[in-house]
Protein backbone atom coordinates (compact mmCIF):
# COMPACT_ATOMS: atom_id res chain seq x y z
CA MET A 1 -34.33 -77.11 -27.48
CA ALA A 2 -33.81 -76.98 -31.23
CA GLU A 3 -31.69 -74.21 -32.69
CA ILE A 4 -33.81 -71.37 -34.03
CA LYS A 5 -32.72 -70.14 -37.43
CA GLN A 6 -33.72 -67.00 -39.24
CA ALA A 7 -33.79 -66.67 -43.02
CA SER A 8 -31.72 -63.99 -44.69
CA TYR A 9 -33.19 -60.94 -46.44
CA ASP A 10 -31.97 -59.61 -49.80
CA GLY A 11 -34.37 -56.74 -50.40
CA THR A 12 -37.11 -58.81 -52.02
CA GLY A 13 -40.26 -59.75 -50.21
CA ASP A 14 -41.98 -58.03 -47.32
CA VAL A 15 -39.38 -56.18 -45.22
CA ASP A 16 -41.83 -55.60 -42.34
CA LEU A 17 -42.64 -59.30 -42.10
CA TRP A 18 -38.94 -60.18 -42.14
CA LEU A 19 -38.18 -57.56 -39.45
CA MET A 20 -40.99 -58.97 -37.31
CA LYS A 21 -39.41 -62.41 -37.58
CA MET A 22 -36.03 -60.91 -36.67
CA LYS A 23 -37.64 -59.27 -33.62
CA PHE A 24 -38.71 -62.69 -32.34
CA TYR A 25 -35.35 -64.22 -33.26
CA CYS A 26 -33.44 -61.51 -31.37
CA SER A 27 -35.80 -61.78 -28.42
CA THR A 28 -35.22 -65.53 -28.21
CA LYS A 29 -31.47 -64.98 -28.35
CA LYS A 30 -31.76 -62.09 -25.84
CA PHE A 31 -30.03 -59.71 -28.27
CA GLU A 32 -30.52 -56.02 -27.53
CA GLY A 33 -29.01 -52.78 -28.79
CA LYS A 34 -25.80 -53.24 -30.73
CA GLN A 35 -26.15 -57.06 -30.67
CA GLU A 36 -29.63 -56.79 -32.20
CA ALA A 37 -28.42 -54.40 -34.91
CA HIS A 38 -25.53 -56.72 -35.77
CA ALA A 39 -27.80 -59.80 -35.77
CA ILE A 40 -30.05 -58.04 -38.30
CA ALA A 41 -27.08 -56.98 -40.45
CA SER A 42 -25.61 -60.49 -40.35
CA LYS A 43 -28.78 -61.86 -41.98
CA LEU A 44 -28.75 -59.34 -44.86
CA GLU A 45 -27.57 -60.10 -48.38
CA GLY A 46 -27.19 -58.20 -51.64
CA ALA A 47 -29.00 -54.88 -51.91
CA ALA A 48 -30.26 -55.11 -48.33
CA PHE A 49 -26.73 -55.45 -46.96
CA LEU A 50 -25.53 -52.56 -49.15
CA CYS A 51 -28.34 -50.43 -47.71
CA ILE A 52 -26.94 -50.92 -44.20
CA ALA A 53 -23.31 -50.68 -45.34
CA ARG A 54 -24.02 -47.07 -46.41
CA LEU A 55 -24.81 -46.11 -42.80
CA ASN A 56 -22.02 -44.78 -40.60
CA ASP A 57 -20.69 -47.02 -37.81
CA GLU A 58 -22.78 -45.38 -35.10
CA LEU A 59 -26.02 -45.88 -37.05
CA GLN A 60 -25.08 -49.47 -37.91
CA ASP A 61 -24.95 -50.16 -34.16
CA ASP A 62 -28.49 -48.82 -33.56
CA PRO A 63 -31.26 -51.35 -34.30
CA LYS A 64 -33.85 -48.59 -34.76
CA GLU A 65 -31.71 -46.91 -37.41
CA VAL A 66 -30.98 -50.21 -39.16
CA LYS A 67 -34.70 -51.06 -39.29
CA ALA A 68 -35.61 -47.54 -40.45
CA ALA A 69 -33.05 -47.69 -43.28
CA LEU A 70 -34.37 -51.06 -44.44
CA ARG A 71 -37.98 -49.88 -44.32
CA LYS A 72 -37.15 -46.68 -46.18
CA GLU A 73 -35.36 -48.63 -48.91
CA PHE A 74 -37.57 -51.69 -49.26
CA ASP A 75 -41.05 -51.00 -47.85
CA LYS A 76 -43.26 -51.21 -50.95
CA GLU A 77 -46.26 -49.78 -49.09
CA SER A 78 -44.42 -46.58 -48.23
CA ILE A 79 -43.47 -46.17 -51.89
CA ASP A 80 -47.07 -46.73 -52.95
CA HIS A 81 -48.21 -44.29 -50.27
CA GLU A 82 -45.89 -41.60 -51.64
CA LYS A 83 -47.19 -42.23 -55.16
CA ALA A 84 -50.77 -41.99 -53.94
CA VAL A 85 -50.08 -38.68 -52.20
CA ASP A 86 -48.46 -37.28 -55.37
CA GLU A 87 -51.42 -38.41 -57.46
CA LEU A 88 -53.86 -36.87 -54.99
CA ARG A 89 -51.99 -33.57 -55.14
CA GLY A 90 -52.15 -33.71 -58.93
CA LEU A 91 -55.91 -34.31 -58.83
CA ARG A 92 -56.36 -31.39 -56.44
CA ARG A 93 -54.43 -29.09 -58.78
CA LYS A 94 -56.62 -30.15 -61.70
CA ALA A 95 -59.78 -29.56 -59.64
CA VAL A 96 -58.60 -26.08 -58.64
CA LYS A 97 -57.78 -25.22 -62.28
CA HIS A 98 -61.27 -26.30 -63.40
CA GLN A 99 -62.92 -24.22 -60.67
CA HIS A 100 -61.08 -21.09 -61.77
CA SER A 101 -61.78 -21.65 -65.49
């Protein structure tokens, strides 16, 4: 069987897609828990690696925490979602002001 390789991630591109690929990679290698977290970290470069380096040792060993940190830092959709919520709140405030005028 050919060696399965996984591309690295540097913080650009779709973090969810990359994490999905890592899920399959880790599954194929039978990595779980700490091994999975370290496999993910070993494929990170640049800003993405620095994101994980900021976590304490215990969190670096937890794949759920590693994935959550990467998503929080690099998931463009979550950033857009937050912007949309802020804009919606602003529109609501304007609507309330106009009703009371």
